[in-house]
Amino acid sequence: MEPNECIFLIGCERYSSYRNYADSFRFDGNYEDKIAKDNWGRKWCHVVAMDAMYFAEPSLQYDMKHVDRDL
């Protein structure tokens, strides 16, 4: 993807439970997705995905140029 692009996913289904975040993220068992489906049989779930930027210095992610990029 280019820096100004994102992906819009329609009909996503969740298959697993999880716990924690980042370095401590862990699988926590199977998940039964009970979300309703639309008229085309897709799960009623929409996800917007975009590339994450790596910041060696985490506080830099709050510079307005980086916030604007994500928005």
C-alpha atoms as a PDB file:
ATOM      1  CA  MET A   1       0.000   0.000   0.000  1.00  0.00           C
ATOM      2  CA  GLU A   2       1.015   3.587  -0.543  1.00  0.00           C
ATOM      3  CA  PRO A   3       1.285   5.849   2.541  1.00  0.00           C
ATOM      4  CA  ASN A   4      -2.081   7.457   1.699  1.00  0.00           C
ATOM      5  CA  GLU A   5      -4.005   4.195   1.120  1.00  0.00           C
ATOM      6  CA  CYS A   6      -6.035   1.855   3.287  1.00  0.00           C
ATOM      7  CA  ILE A   7      -8.048  -1.329   2.696  1.00  0.00           C
ATOM      8  CA  PHE A   8     -11.767  -1.604   3.480  1.00  0.00           C
ATOM      9  CA  LEU A   9     -12.779  -5.206   4.268  1.00  0.00           C
ATOM     10  CA  ILE A  10     -16.429  -6.302   4.224  1.00  0.00           C
ATOM     11  CA  GLY A  11     -17.790  -9.489   5.768  1.00  0.00           C
ATOM     12  CA  CYS A  12     -14.888 -10.303   8.084  1.00  0.00           C
ATOM     13  CA  GLU A  13     -15.366 -13.221  10.441  1.00  0.00           C
ATOM     14  CA  ARG A  14     -13.621 -13.708  13.746  1.00  0.00           C
ATOM     15  CA  TYR A  15     -12.239 -17.208  14.446  1.00  0.00           C
ATOM     16  CA  SER A  16     -10.202 -16.875  17.634  1.00  0.00           C
ATOM     17  CA  SER A  17     -10.255 -15.258  21.042  1.00  0.00           C
ATOM     18  CA  TYR A  18      -7.190 -13.415  22.260  1.00  0.00           C
ATOM     19  CA  ARG A  19      -5.742 -11.693  25.272  1.00  0.00           C
ATOM     20  CA  ASN A  20      -3.226  -8.960  25.926  1.00  0.00           C
ATOM     21  CA  TYR A  21      -1.612  -6.663  23.369  1.00  0.00           C
ATOM     22  CA  ALA A  22       1.631  -6.090  21.440  1.00  0.00           C
ATOM     23  CA  ASP A  23       4.498  -8.265  22.745  1.00  0.00           C
ATOM     24  CA  SER A  24       2.221 -10.096  25.193  1.00  0.00           C
ATOM     25  CA  PHE A  25      -0.547 -10.826  22.605  1.00  0.00           C
ATOM     26  CA  ARG A  26      -1.718 -14.453  22.930  1.00  0.00           C
ATOM     27  CA  PHE A  27      -4.255 -16.825  21.346  1.00  0.00           C
ATOM     28  CA  ASP A  28      -6.986 -17.569  23.901  1.00  0.00           C
ATOM     29  CA  GLY A  29      -9.089 -20.274  22.224  1.00  0.00           C
ATOM     30  CA  ASN A  30     -11.610 -20.628  19.434  1.00  0.00           C
ATOM     31  CA  TYR A  31     -14.351 -18.040  18.970  1.00  0.00           C
ATOM     32  CA  GLU A  32     -17.894 -18.609  17.670  1.00  0.00           C
ATOM     33  CA  ASP A  33     -18.788 -15.505  15.661  1.00  0.00           C
ATOM     34  CA  LYS A  34     -22.526 -14.884  16.112  1.00  0.00           C
ATOM     35  CA  ILE A  35     -22.622 -11.597  14.167  1.00  0.00           C
ATOM     36  CA  ALA A  36     -25.622 -11.358  11.824  1.00  0.00           C
ATOM     37  CA  LYS A  37     -25.190 -11.681   8.052  1.00  0.00           C
ATOM     38  CA  ASP A  38     -26.239  -9.271   5.313  1.00  0.00           C
ATOM     39  CA  ASN A  39     -28.427 -10.136   2.293  1.00  0.00           C
ATOM     40  CA  TRP A  40     -25.366 -11.541   0.470  1.00  0.00           C
ATOM     41  CA  GLY A  41     -24.474 -13.902   3.334  1.00  0.00           C
ATOM     42  CA  ARG A  42     -21.511 -11.835   4.540  1.00  0.00           C
ATOM     43  CA  LYS A  43     -20.924 -11.169   8.232  1.00  0.00           C
ATOM     44  CA  TRP A  44     -22.114  -7.700   9.231  1.00  0.00           C
ATOM     45  CA  CYS A  45     -18.585  -6.574  10.006  1.00  0.00           C
ATOM     46  CA  HIS A  46     -16.454  -3.916   8.305  1.00  0.00           C
ATOM     47  CA  VAL A  47     -12.750  -3.341   8.979  1.00  0.00           C
ATOM     48  CA  VAL A  48     -10.453  -0.564   7.780  1.00  0.00           C
ATOM     49  CA  ALA A  49      -6.781  -1.629   7.636  1.00  0.00           C
ATOM     50  CA  MET A  50      -3.745   0.590   7.171  1.00  0.00           C
ATOM     51  CA  ASP A  51       0.014   0.219   7.455  1.00  0.00           C
ATOM     52  CA  ALA A  52       1.448   0.938  10.870  1.00  0.00           C
ATOM     53  CA  MET A  53       4.505   3.119  11.151  1.00  0.00           C
ATOM     54  CA  TYR A  54       7.355   2.061  13.413  1.00  0.00           C
ATOM     55  CA  PHE A  55       8.674   4.661  15.846  1.00  0.00           C
ATOM     56  CA  ALA A  56      11.965   3.931  17.600  1.00  0.00           C
ATOM     57  CA  GLU A  57      10.988   6.817  19.879  1.00  0.00           C
ATOM     58  CA  PRO A  58       7.279   6.170  20.687  1.00  0.00           C
ATOM     59  CA  SER A  59       6.499   9.778  21.595  1.00  0.00           C
ATOM     60  CA  LEU A  60       7.155  10.801  17.953  1.00  0.00           C
ATOM     61  CA  GLN A  61       3.914   9.134  16.883  1.00  0.00           C
ATOM     62  CA  TYR A  62       2.069  12.107  18.409  1.00  0.00           C
ATOM     63  CA  ASP A  63       3.730  14.714  16.169  1.00  0.00           C
ATOM     64  CA  MET A  64       0.904  16.303  14.171  1.00  0.00           C
ATOM     65  CA  LYS A  65       2.348  15.222  10.806  1.00  0.00           C
ATOM     66  CA  HIS A  66       2.060  11.579  11.926  1.00  0.00           C
ATOM     67  CA  VAL A  67      -1.397  12.050  13.445  1.00  0.00           C
ATOM     68  CA  ASP A  68      -2.568  13.724  10.210  1.00  0.00           C
ATOM     69  CA  ARG A  69      -1.155  10.836   8.168  1.00  0.00           C
ATOM     70  CA  ASP A  70      -3.166   8.303  10.168  1.00  0.00           C
ATOM     71  CA  LEU A  71      -6.356  10.341  10.043  1.00  0.00           C
END
